[in-house]
Amino acid sequence: KNDWRQVRQQVLSREYSSKEEAYK
């Protein structure tokens, strides 16, 4: 029951300075 497209927009709107941040 999650809007998966919206989830994508949320996670890709962030900036990740390391792979560890991406893993989290």
mmCIF file of all heavy atoms, coordinates in Angstrom:
data_MODEL
# 
_entry.id   MODEL 
# 
loop_
_atom_site.group_PDB 
_atom_site.id 
_atom_site.type_symbol 
_atom_site.label_atom_id 
_atom_site.label_alt_id 
_atom_site.label_comp_id 
_atom_site.label_asym_id 
_atom_site.label_entity_id 
_atom_site.label_seq_id 
_atom_site.pdbx_PDB_ins_code 
_atom_site.Cartn_x 
_atom_site.Cartn_y 
_atom_site.Cartn_z 
_atom_site.occupancy 
_atom_site.B_iso_or_equiv 
_atom_site.pdbx_formal_charge 
_atom_site.auth_seq_id 
_atom_site.auth_comp_id 
_atom_site.auth_asym_id 
_atom_site.auth_atom_id 
_atom_site.pdbx_PDB_model_num 
ATOM 1   N N   . LYS A 1 1  ? 0.817  -1.215 0.000   1.00 0.00 ? 1  LYS A N   1 
ATOM 2   C CA  . LYS A 1 1  ? 0.000  0.000  0.000   1.00 0.00 ? 1  LYS A CA  1 
ATOM 3   C C   . LYS A 1 1  ? 0.856  1.273  0.000   1.00 0.00 ? 1  LYS A C   1 
ATOM 4   O O   . LYS A 1 1  ? 0.496  2.278  0.627   1.00 0.00 ? 1  LYS A O   1 
ATOM 5   C CB  . LYS A 1 1  ? -0.976 -0.004 1.178   1.00 0.00 ? 1  LYS A CB  1 
ATOM 6   C CG  . LYS A 1 1  ? -1.959 -1.166 1.143   1.00 0.00 ? 1  LYS A CG  1 
ATOM 7   C CD  . LYS A 1 1  ? -2.923 -1.145 2.312   1.00 0.00 ? 1  LYS A CD  1 
ATOM 8   C CE  . LYS A 1 1  ? -3.883 -2.324 2.240   1.00 0.00 ? 1  LYS A CE  1 
ATOM 9   N NZ  . LYS A 1 1  ? -4.814 -2.346 3.398   1.00 0.00 ? 1  LYS A NZ  1 
ATOM 10  N N   . ASN A 1 2  ? 1.980  1.209  -0.708  1.00 0.00 ? 2  ASN A N   1 
ATOM 11  C CA  . ASN A 1 2  ? 2.830  2.375  -0.895  1.00 0.00 ? 2  ASN A CA  1 
ATOM 12  C C   . ASN A 1 2  ? 2.796  2.802  -2.356  1.00 0.00 ? 2  ASN A C   1 
ATOM 13  O O   . ASN A 1 2  ? 2.742  1.949  -3.252  1.00 0.00 ? 2  ASN A O   1 
ATOM 14  C CB  . ASN A 1 2  ? 4.276  2.062  -0.512  1.00 0.00 ? 2  ASN A CB  1 
ATOM 15  C CG  . ASN A 1 2  ? 4.476  1.965  0.989   1.00 0.00 ? 2  ASN A CG  1 
ATOM 16  O OD1 . ASN A 1 2  ? 4.520  2.966  1.690   1.00 0.00 ? 2  ASN A OD1 1 
ATOM 17  N ND2 . ASN A 1 2  ? 4.585  0.739  1.495   1.00 0.00 ? 2  ASN A ND2 1 
ATOM 18  N N   . ASP A 1 3  ? 2.820  4.104  -2.599  1.00 0.00 ? 3  ASP A N   1 
ATOM 19  C CA  . ASP A 1 3  ? 2.941  4.622  -3.955  1.00 0.00 ? 3  ASP A CA  1 
ATOM 20  C C   . ASP A 1 3  ? 4.417  4.529  -4.325  1.00 0.00 ? 3  ASP A C   1 
ATOM 21  O O   . ASP A 1 3  ? 5.219  5.380  -3.923  1.00 0.00 ? 3  ASP A O   1 
ATOM 22  C CB  . ASP A 1 3  ? 2.451  6.079  -4.016  1.00 0.00 ? 3  ASP A CB  1 
ATOM 23  C CG  . ASP A 1 3  ? 2.472  6.641  -5.442  1.00 0.00 ? 3  ASP A CG  1 
ATOM 24  O OD1 . ASP A 1 3  ? 3.275  6.132  -6.273  1.00 0.00 ? 3  ASP A OD1 1 
ATOM 25  O OD2 . ASP A 1 3  ? 1.726  7.588  -5.721  1.00 0.00 ? 3  ASP A OD2 1 
ATOM 26  N N   . TRP A 1 4  ? 4.773  3.509  -5.086  1.00 0.00 ? 4  TRP A N   1 
ATOM 27  C CA  . TRP A 1 4  ? 6.180  3.227  -5.326  1.00 0.00 ? 4  TRP A CA  1 
ATOM 28  C C   . TRP A 1 4  ? 6.837  4.283  -6.228  1.00 0.00 ? 4  TRP A C   1 
ATOM 29  O O   . TRP A 1 4  ? 8.029  4.546  -6.122  1.00 0.00 ? 4  TRP A O   1 
ATOM 30  C CB  . TRP A 1 4  ? 6.342  1.830  -5.916  1.00 0.00 ? 4  TRP A CB  1 
ATOM 31  C CG  . TRP A 1 4  ? 7.699  1.228  -5.638  1.00 0.00 ? 4  TRP A CG  1 
ATOM 32  C CD1 . TRP A 1 4  ? 8.651  0.863  -6.544  1.00 0.00 ? 4  TRP A CD1 1 
ATOM 33  C CD2 . TRP A 1 4  ? 8.255  0.935  -4.352  1.00 0.00 ? 4  TRP A CD2 1 
ATOM 34  N NE1 . TRP A 1 4  ? 9.762  0.366  -5.910  1.00 0.00 ? 4  TRP A NE1 1 
ATOM 35  C CE2 . TRP A 1 4  ? 9.547  0.397  -4.558  1.00 0.00 ? 4  TRP A CE2 1 
ATOM 36  C CE3 . TRP A 1 4  ? 7.790  1.085  -3.042  1.00 0.00 ? 4  TRP A CE3 1 
ATOM 37  C CZ2 . TRP A 1 4  ? 10.377 0.003  -3.517  1.00 0.00 ? 4  TRP A CZ2 1 
ATOM 38  C CZ3 . TRP A 1 4  ? 8.607  0.695  -1.990  1.00 0.00 ? 4  TRP A CZ3 1 
ATOM 39  C CH2 . TRP A 1 4  ? 9.885  0.161  -2.236  1.00 0.00 ? 4  TRP A CH2 1 
ATOM 40  N N   . ARG A 1 5  ? 6.064  4.886  -7.085  1.00 0.00 ? 5  ARG A N   1 
ATOM 41  C CA  . ARG A 1 5  ? 6.614  5.972  -7.906  1.00 0.00 ? 5  ARG A CA  1 
ATOM 42  C C   . ARG A 1 5  ? 6.952  7.187  -7.035  1.00 0.00 ? 5  ARG A C   1 
ATOM 43  O O   . ARG A 1 5  ? 7.977  7.845  -7.246  1.00 0.00 ? 5  ARG A O   1 
ATOM 44  C CB  . ARG A 1 5  ? 5.621  6.364  -9.002  1.00 0.00 ? 5  ARG A CB  1 
ATOM 45  C CG  . ARG A 1 5  ? 5.459  5.308  -10.086 1.00 0.00 ? 5  ARG A CG  1 
ATOM 46  C CD  . ARG A 1 5  ? 4.340  5.673  -11.047 1.00 0.00 ? 5  ARG A CD  1 
ATOM 47  N NE  . ARG A 1 5  ? 4.232  4.689  -12.113 1.00 0.00 ? 5  ARG A NE  1 
ATOM 48  C CZ  . ARG A 1 5  ? 4.637  4.875  -13.364 1.00 0.00 ? 5  ARG A CZ  1 
ATOM 49  N NH1 . ARG A 1 5  ? 5.217  6.023  -13.695 1.00 0.00 ? 5  ARG A NH1 1 
ATOM 50  N NH2 . ARG A 1 5  ? 4.493  3.945  -14.273 1.00 0.00 ? 5  ARG A NH2 1 
ATOM 51  N N   . GLN A 1 6  ? 6.099  7.431  -6.080  1.00 0.00 ? 6  GLN A N   1 
ATOM 52  C CA  . GLN A 1 6  ? 6.377  8.537  -5.173  1.00 0.00 ? 6  GLN A CA  1 
ATOM 53  C C   . GLN A 1 6  ? 7.593  8.227  -4.311  1.00 0.00 ? 6  GLN A C   1 
ATOM 54  O O   . GLN A 1 6  ? 8.403  9.121  -4.017  1.00 0.00 ? 6  GLN A O   1 
ATOM 55  C CB  . GLN A 1 6  ? 5.164  8.807  -4.282  1.00 0.00 ? 6  GLN A CB  1 
ATOM 56  C CG  . GLN A 1 6  ? 5.313  10.031 -3.399  1.00 0.00 ? 6  GLN A CG  1 
ATOM 57  C CD  . GLN A 1 6  ? 4.070  10.301 -2.581  1.00 0.00 ? 6  GLN A CD  1 
ATOM 58  O OE1 . GLN A 1 6  ? 3.426  9.384  -2.060  1.00 0.00 ? 6  GLN A OE1 1 
ATOM 59  N NE2 . GLN A 1 6  ? 3.709  11.570 -2.447  1.00 0.00 ? 6  GLN A NE2 1 
ATOM 60  N N   . VAL A 1 7  ? 7.746  6.969  -3.924  1.00 0.00 ? 7  VAL A N   1 
ATOM 61  C CA  . VAL A 1 7  ? 8.924  6.557  -3.162  1.00 0.00 ? 7  VAL A CA  1 
ATOM 62  C C   . VAL A 1 7  ? 10.183 6.852  -3.960  1.00 0.00 ? 7  VAL A C   1 
ATOM 63  O O   . VAL A 1 7  ? 11.175 7.354  -3.433  1.00 0.00 ? 7  VAL A O   1 
ATOM 64  C CB  . VAL A 1 7  ? 8.845  5.058  -2.795  1.00 0.00 ? 7  VAL A CB  1 
ATOM 65  C CG1 . VAL A 1 7  ? 10.182 4.573  -2.241  1.00 0.00 ? 7  VAL A CG1 1 
ATOM 66  C CG2 . VAL A 1 7  ? 7.733  4.805  -1.786  1.00 0.00 ? 7  VAL A CG2 1 
ATOM 67  N N   . ARG A 1 8  ? 10.145 6.595  -5.263  1.00 0.00 ? 8  ARG A N   1 
ATOM 68  C CA  . ARG A 1 8  ? 11.317 6.862  -6.113  1.00 0.00 ? 8  ARG A CA  1 
ATOM 69  C C   . ARG A 1 8  ? 11.653 8.352  -6.121  1.00 0.00 ? 8  ARG A C   1 
ATOM 70  O O   . ARG A 1 8  ? 12.826 8.746  -6.024  1.00 0.00 ? 8  ARG A O   1 
ATOM 71  C CB  . ARG A 1 8  ? 11.050 6.377  -7.529  1.00 0.00 ? 8  ARG A CB  1 
ATOM 72  C CG  . ARG A 1 8  ? 12.257 6.574  -8.477  1.00 0.00 ? 8  ARG A CG  1 
ATOM 73  C CD  . ARG A 1 8  ? 11.946 5.996  -9.851  1.00 0.00 ? 8  ARG A CD  1 
ATOM 74  N NE  . ARG A 1 8  ? 13.161 5.926  -10.664 1.00 0.00 ? 8  ARG A NE  1 
ATOM 75  C CZ  . ARG A 1 8  ? 13.513 6.818  -11.584 1.00 0.00 ? 8  ARG A CZ  1 
ATOM 76  N NH1 . ARG A 1 8  ? 12.734 7.881  -11.793 1.00 0.00 ? 8  ARG A NH1 1 
ATOM 77  N NH2 . ARG A 1 8  ? 14.617 6.670  -12.286 1.00 0.00 ? 8  ARG A NH2 1 
ATOM 78  N N   . GLN A 1 9  ? 10.634 9.159  -6.259  1.00 0.00 ? 9  GLN A N   1 
ATOM 79  C CA  . GLN A 1 9  ? 10.874 10.606 -6.281  1.00 0.00 ? 9  GLN A CA  1 
ATOM 80  C C   . GLN A 1 9  ? 11.503 11.072 -4.975  1.00 0.00 ? 9  GLN A C   1 
ATOM 81  O O   . GLN A 1 9  ? 12.399 11.920 -4.963  1.00 0.00 ? 9  GLN A O   1 
ATOM 82  C CB  . GLN A 1 9  ? 9.559  11.340 -6.538  1.00 0.00 ? 9  GLN A CB  1 
ATOM 83  C CG  . GLN A 1 9  ? 9.019  11.124 -7.943  1.00 0.00 ? 9  GLN A CG  1 
ATOM 84  C CD  . GLN A 1 9  ? 7.654  11.741 -8.153  1.00 0.00 ? 9  GLN A CD  1 
ATOM 85  O OE1 . GLN A 1 9  ? 7.046  12.230 -7.199  1.00 0.00 ? 9  GLN A OE1 1 
ATOM 86  N NE2 . GLN A 1 9  ? 7.178  11.735 -9.384  1.00 0.00 ? 9  GLN A NE2 1 
ATOM 87  N N   . GLN A 1 10 ? 11.042 10.484 -3.872  1.00 0.00 ? 10 GLN A N   1 
ATOM 88  C CA  . GLN A 1 10 ? 11.573 10.864 -2.568  1.00 0.00 ? 10 GLN A CA  1 
ATOM 89  C C   . GLN A 1 10 ? 13.048 10.490 -2.426  1.00 0.00 ? 10 GLN A C   1 
ATOM 90  O O   . GLN A 1 10 ? 13.870 11.305 -2.014  1.00 0.00 ? 10 GLN A O   1 
ATOM 91  C CB  . GLN A 1 10 ? 10.755 10.213 -1.453  1.00 0.00 ? 10 GLN A CB  1 
ATOM 92  C CG  . GLN A 1 10 ? 9.331  10.751 -1.333  1.00 0.00 ? 10 GLN A CG  1 
ATOM 93  C CD  . GLN A 1 10 ? 8.485  9.933  -0.373  1.00 0.00 ? 10 GLN A CD  1 
ATOM 94  O OE1 . GLN A 1 10 ? 8.890  8.856  0.078   1.00 0.00 ? 10 GLN A OE1 1 
ATOM 95  N NE2 . GLN A 1 10 ? 7.298  10.440 -0.053  1.00 0.00 ? 10 GLN A NE2 1 
ATOM 96  N N   . VAL A 1 11 ? 13.390 9.225  -2.772  1.00 0.00 ? 11 VAL A N   1 
ATOM 97  C CA  . VAL A 1 11 ? 14.765 8.773  -2.546  1.00 0.00 ? 11 VAL A CA  1 
ATOM 98  C C   . VAL A 1 11 ? 15.737 9.402  -3.541  1.00 0.00 ? 11 VAL A C   1 
ATOM 99  O O   . VAL A 1 11 ? 16.914 9.599  -3.228  1.00 0.00 ? 11 VAL A O   1 
ATOM 100 C CB  . VAL A 1 11 ? 14.869 7.228  -2.590  1.00 0.00 ? 11 VAL A CB  1 
ATOM 101 C CG1 . VAL A 1 11 ? 14.108 6.614  -1.431  1.00 0.00 ? 11 VAL A CG1 1 
ATOM 102 C CG2 . VAL A 1 11 ? 14.387 6.663  -3.930  1.00 0.00 ? 11 VAL A CG2 1 
ATOM 103 N N   . LEU A 1 12 ? 15.256 9.739  -4.755  1.00 0.00 ? 12 LEU A N   1 
ATOM 104 C CA  . LEU A 1 12 ? 16.155 10.335 -5.742  1.00 0.00 ? 12 LEU A CA  1 
ATOM 105 C C   . LEU A 1 12 ? 16.248 11.854 -5.610  1.00 0.00 ? 12 LEU A C   1 
ATOM 106 O O   . LEU A 1 12 ? 17.081 12.474 -6.272  1.00 0.00 ? 12 LEU A O   1 
ATOM 107 C CB  . LEU A 1 12 ? 15.716 9.966  -7.160  1.00 0.00 ? 12 LEU A CB  1 
ATOM 108 C CG  . LEU A 1 12 ? 15.815 8.483  -7.522  1.00 0.00 ? 12 LEU A CG  1 
ATOM 109 C CD1 . LEU A 1 12 ? 15.524 8.280  -9.010  1.00 0.00 ? 12 LEU A CD1 1 
ATOM 110 C CD2 . LEU A 1 12 ? 17.179 7.898  -7.169  1.00 0.00 ? 12 LEU A CD2 1 
ATOM 111 N N   . SER A 1 13 ? 15.419 12.430 -4.761  1.00 0.00 ? 13 SER A N   1 
ATOM 112 C CA  . SER A 1 13 ? 15.519 13.877 -4.533  1.00 0.00 ? 13 SER A CA  1 
ATOM 113 C C   . SER A 1 13 ? 16.650 14.206 -3.558  1.00 0.00 ? 13 SER A C   1 
ATOM 114 O O   . SER A 1 13 ? 17.037 15.368 -3.421  1.00 0.00 ? 13 SER A O   1 
ATOM 115 C CB  . SER A 1 13 ? 14.193 14.413 -3.981  1.00 0.00 ? 13 SER A CB  1 
ATOM 116 O OG  . SER A 1 13 ? 13.952 13.905 -2.673  1.00 0.00 ? 13 SER A OG  1 
ATOM 117 N N   . ARG A 1 14 ? 17.168 13.180 -2.887  1.00 0.00 ? 14 ARG A N   1 
ATOM 118 C CA  . ARG A 1 14 ? 18.248 13.396 -1.922  1.00 0.00 ? 14 ARG A CA  1 
ATOM 119 C C   . ARG A 1 14 ? 19.604 13.355 -2.634  1.00 0.00 ? 14 ARG A C   1 
ATOM 120 O O   . ARG A 1 14 ? 19.741 12.815 -3.726  1.00 0.00 ? 14 ARG A O   1 
ATOM 121 C CB  . ARG A 1 14 ? 18.235 12.312 -0.836  1.00 0.00 ? 14 ARG A CB  1 
ATOM 122 C CG  . ARG A 1 14 ? 16.924 12.117 -0.124  1.00 0.00 ? 14 ARG A CG  1 
ATOM 123 C CD  . ARG A 1 14 ? 17.073 10.985 0.888   1.00 0.00 ? 14 ARG A CD  1 
ATOM 124 N NE  . ARG A 1 14 ? 15.792 10.428 1.277   1.00 0.00 ? 14 ARG A NE  1 
ATOM 125 C CZ  . ARG A 1 14 ? 15.640 9.299  1.977   1.00 0.00 ? 14 ARG A CZ  1 
ATOM 126 N NH1 . ARG A 1 14 ? 16.733 8.645  2.368   1.00 0.00 ? 14 ARG A NH1 1 
ATOM 127 N NH2 . ARG A 1 14 ? 14.440 8.858  2.280   1.00 0.00 ? 14 ARG A NH2 1 
ATOM 128 N N   . GLU A 1 15 ? 20.596 13.898 -1.957  1.00 0.00 ? 15 GLU A N   1 
ATOM 129 C CA  . GLU A 1 15 ? 21.967 13.788 -2.423  1.00 0.00 ? 15 GLU A CA  1 
ATOM 130 C C   . GLU A 1 15 ? 22.701 12.783 -1.532  1.00 0.00 ? 15 GLU A C   1 
ATOM 131 O O   . GLU A 1 15 ? 22.525 12.791 -0.309  1.00 0.00 ? 15 GLU A O   1 
ATOM 132 C CB  . GLU A 1 15 ? 22.663 15.145 -2.389  1.00 0.00 ? 15 GLU A CB  1 
ATOM 133 C CG  . GLU A 1 15 ? 22.099 16.149 -3.382  1.00 0.00 ? 15 GLU A CG  1 
ATOM 134 C CD  . GLU A 1 15 ? 22.174 15.648 -4.818  1.00 0.00 ? 15 GLU A CD  1 
ATOM 135 O OE1 . GLU A 1 15 ? 23.187 14.999 -5.166  1.00 0.00 ? 15 GLU A OE1 1 
ATOM 136 O OE2 . GLU A 1 15 ? 21.227 15.907 -5.591  1.00 0.00 ? 15 GLU A OE2 1 
ATOM 137 N N   . TYR A 1 16 ? 23.500 11.925 -2.143  1.00 0.00 ? 16 TYR A N   1 
ATOM 138 C CA  . TYR A 1 16 ? 24.233 10.895 -1.409  1.00 0.00 ? 16 TYR A CA  1 
ATOM 139 C C   . TYR A 1 16 ? 25.729 11.114 -1.611  1.00 0.00 ? 16 TYR A C   1 
ATOM 140 O O   . TYR A 1 16 ? 26.223 11.055 -2.740  1.00 0.00 ? 16 TYR A O   1 
ATOM 141 C CB  . TYR A 1 16 ? 23.827 9.506  -1.891  1.00 0.00 ? 16 TYR A CB  1 
ATOM 142 C CG  . TYR A 1 16 ? 22.342 9.233  -1.763  1.00 0.00 ? 16 TYR A CG  1 
ATOM 143 C CD1 . TYR A 1 16 ? 21.496 9.345  -2.871  1.00 0.00 ? 16 TYR A CD1 1 
ATOM 144 C CD2 . TYR A 1 16 ? 21.785 8.903  -0.534  1.00 0.00 ? 16 TYR A CD2 1 
ATOM 145 C CE1 . TYR A 1 16 ? 20.131 9.121  -2.750  1.00 0.00 ? 16 TYR A CE1 1 
ATOM 146 C CE2 . TYR A 1 16 ? 20.427 8.674  -0.398  1.00 0.00 ? 16 TYR A CE2 1 
ATOM 147 C CZ  . TYR A 1 16 ? 19.600 8.786  -1.513  1.00 0.00 ? 16 TYR A CZ  1 
ATOM 148 O OH  . TYR A 1 16 ? 18.249 8.571  -1.386  1.00 0.00 ? 16 TYR A OH  1 
ATOM 149 N N   . SER A 1 17 ? 26.410 11.340 -0.514  1.00 0.00 ? 17 SER A N   1 
ATOM 150 C CA  . SER A 1 17 ? 27.854 11.601 -0.602  1.00 0.00 ? 17 SER A CA  1 
ATOM 151 C C   . SER A 1 17 ? 28.686 10.329 -0.520  1.00 0.00 ? 17 SER A C   1 
ATOM 152 O O   . SER A 1 17 ? 29.889 10.358 -0.741  1.00 0.00 ? 17 SER A O   1 
ATOM 153 C CB  . SER A 1 17 ? 28.281 12.556 0.517   1.00 0.00 ? 17 SER A CB  1 
ATOM 154 O OG  . SER A 1 17 ? 28.008 11.987 1.794   1.00 0.00 ? 17 SER A OG  1 
ATOM 155 N N   . SER A 1 18 ? 28.041 9.210  -0.204  1.00 0.00 ? 18 SER A N   1 
ATOM 156 C CA  . SER A 1 18 ? 28.766 7.940  -0.098  1.00 0.00 ? 18 SER A CA  1 
ATOM 157 C C   . SER A 1 18 ? 27.822 6.785  -0.362  1.00 0.00 ? 18 SER A C   1 
ATOM 158 O O   . SER A 1 18 ? 26.592 6.927  -0.301  1.00 0.00 ? 18 SER A O   1 
ATOM 159 C CB  . SER A 1 18 ? 29.378 7.790  1.298   1.00 0.00 ? 18 SER A CB  1 
ATOM 160 O OG  . SER A 1 18 ? 28.343 7.636  2.273   1.00 0.00 ? 18 SER A OG  1 
ATOM 161 N N   . LYS A 1 19 ? 28.407 5.619  -0.650  1.00 0.00 ? 19 LYS A N   1 
ATOM 162 C CA  . LYS A 1 19 ? 27.594 4.423  -0.854  1.00 0.00 ? 19 LYS A CA  1 
ATOM 163 C C   . LYS A 1 19 ? 26.882 4.021  0.436   1.00 0.00 ? 19 LYS A C   1 
ATOM 164 O O   . LYS A 1 19 ? 25.783 3.474  0.394   1.00 0.00 ? 19 LYS A O   1 
ATOM 165 C CB  . LYS A 1 19 ? 28.463 3.273  -1.369  1.00 0.00 ? 19 LYS A CB  1 
ATOM 166 C CG  . LYS A 1 19 ? 28.868 3.435  -2.822  1.00 0.00 ? 19 LYS A CG  1 
ATOM 167 C CD  . LYS A 1 19 ? 29.625 2.230  -3.332  1.00 0.00 ? 19 LYS A CD  1 
ATOM 168 C CE  . LYS A 1 19 ? 29.973 2.396  -4.817  1.00 0.00 ? 19 LYS A CE  1 
ATOM 169 N NZ  . LYS A 1 19 ? 30.739 1.240  -5.334  1.00 0.00 ? 19 LYS A NZ  1 
ATOM 170 N N   . GLU A 1 20 ? 27.518 4.288  1.587   1.00 0.00 ? 20 GLU A N   1 
ATOM 171 C CA  . GLU A 1 20 ? 26.899 3.932  2.855   1.00 0.00 ? 20 GLU A CA  1 
ATOM 172 C C   . GLU A 1 20 ? 25.577 4.677  3.029   1.00 0.00 ? 20 GLU A C   1 
ATOM 173 O O   . GLU A 1 20 ? 24.592 4.114  3.536   1.00 0.00 ? 20 GLU A O   1 
ATOM 174 C CB  . GLU A 1 20 ? 27.848 4.251  4.022   1.00 0.00 ? 20 GLU A CB  1 
ATOM 175 C CG  . GLU A 1 20 ? 29.007 3.278  4.191   1.00 0.00 ? 20 GLU A CG  1 
ATOM 176 C CD  . GLU A 1 20 ? 29.987 3.300  3.025   1.00 0.00 ? 20 GLU A CD  1 
ATOM 177 O OE1 . GLU A 1 20 ? 30.165 4.387  2.409   1.00 0.00 ? 20 GLU A OE1 1 
ATOM 178 O OE2 . GLU A 1 20 ? 30.566 2.238  2.716   1.00 0.00 ? 20 GLU A OE2 1 
ATOM 179 N N   . GLU A 1 21 ? 25.540 5.947  2.600   1.00 0.00 ? 21 GLU A N   1 
ATOM 180 C CA  . GLU A 1 21 ? 24.282 6.696  2.666   1.00 0.00 ? 21 GLU A CA  1 
ATOM 181 C C   . GLU A 1 21 ? 23.246 6.102  1.719   1.00 0.00 ? 21 GLU A C   1 
ATOM 182 O O   . GLU A 1 21 ? 22.055 6.046  2.040   1.00 0.00 ? 21 GLU A O   1 
ATOM 183 C CB  . GLU A 1 21 ? 24.531 8.165  2.326   1.00 0.00 ? 21 GLU A CB  1 
ATOM 184 C CG  . GLU A 1 21 ? 25.307 8.921  3.390   1.00 0.00 ? 21 GLU A CG  1 
ATOM 185 C CD  . GLU A 1 21 ? 25.460 10.395 3.055   1.00 0.00 ? 21 GLU A CD  1 
ATOM 186 O OE1 . GLU A 1 21 ? 24.907 10.833 2.014   1.00 0.00 ? 21 GLU A OE1 1 
ATOM 187 O OE2 . GLU A 1 21 ? 26.116 11.109 3.830   1.00 0.00 ? 21 GLU A OE2 1 
ATOM 188 N N   . ALA A 1 22 ? 23.709 5.660  0.568   1.00 0.00 ? 22 ALA A N   1 
ATOM 189 C CA  . ALA A 1 22 ? 22.798 5.016  -0.387  1.00 0.00 ? 22 ALA A CA  1 
ATOM 190 C C   . ALA A 1 22 ? 22.270 3.708  0.181   1.00 0.00 ? 22 ALA A C   1 
ATOM 191 O O   . ALA A 1 22 ? 21.081 3.391  0.044   1.00 0.00 ? 22 ALA A O   1 
ATOM 192 C CB  . ALA A 1 22 ? 23.517 4.774  -1.707  1.00 0.00 ? 22 ALA A CB  1 
ATOM 193 N N   . TYR A 1 23 ? 23.157 2.932  0.828   1.00 0.00 ? 23 TYR A N   1 
ATOM 194 C CA  . TYR A 1 23 ? 22.735 1.663  1.428   1.00 0.00 ? 23 TYR A CA  1 
ATOM 195 C C   . TYR A 1 23 ? 21.643 1.906  2.472   1.00 0.00 ? 23 TYR A C   1 
ATOM 196 O O   . TYR A 1 23 ? 20.647 1.168  2.546   1.00 0.00 ? 23 TYR A O   1 
ATOM 197 C CB  . TYR A 1 23 ? 23.918 0.958  2.094   1.00 0.00 ? 23 TYR A CB  1 
ATOM 198 C CG  . TYR A 1 23 ? 25.013 0.501  1.160   1.00 0.00 ? 23 TYR A CG  1 
ATOM 199 C CD1 . TYR A 1 23 ? 26.267 0.118  1.670   1.00 0.00 ? 23 TYR A CD1 1 
ATOM 200 C CD2 . TYR A 1 23 ? 24.823 0.423  -0.217  1.00 0.00 ? 23 TYR A CD2 1 
ATOM 201 C CE1 . TYR A 1 23 ? 27.277 -0.321 0.831   1.00 0.00 ? 23 TYR A CE1 1 
ATOM 202 C CE2 . TYR A 1 23 ? 25.828 -0.003 -1.063  1.00 0.00 ? 23 TYR A CE2 1 
ATOM 203 C CZ  . TYR A 1 23 ? 27.062 -0.370 -0.530  1.00 0.00 ? 23 TYR A CZ  1 
ATOM 204 O OH  . TYR A 1 23 ? 28.076 -0.797 -1.357  1.00 0.00 ? 23 TYR A OH  1 
ATOM 205 N N   . LYS A 1 24 ? 21.836 2.932  3.289   1.00 0.00 ? 24 LYS A N   1 
ATOM 206 C CA  . LYS A 1 24 ? 20.845 3.261  4.317   1.00 0.00 ? 24 LYS A CA  1 
ATOM 207 C C   . LYS A 1 24 ? 19.508 3.609  3.680   1.00 0.00 ? 24 LYS A C   1 
ATOM 208 O O   . LYS A 1 24 ? 18.442 3.163  4.128   1.00 0.00 ? 24 LYS A O   1 
ATOM 209 C CB  . LYS A 1 24 ? 21.348 4.411  5.174   1.00 0.00 ? 24 LYS A CB  1 
ATOM 210 C CG  . LYS A 1 24 ? 20.398 4.783  6.310   1.00 0.00 ? 24 LYS A CG  1 
ATOM 211 C CD  . LYS A 1 24 ? 20.960 5.928  7.148   1.00 0.00 ? 24 LYS A CD  1 
ATOM 212 C CE  . LYS A 1 24 ? 19.978 6.308  8.268   1.00 0.00 ? 24 LYS A CE  1 
ATOM 213 N NZ  . LYS A 1 24 ? 20.497 7.446  9.066   1.00 0.00 ? 24 LYS A NZ  1 
# 
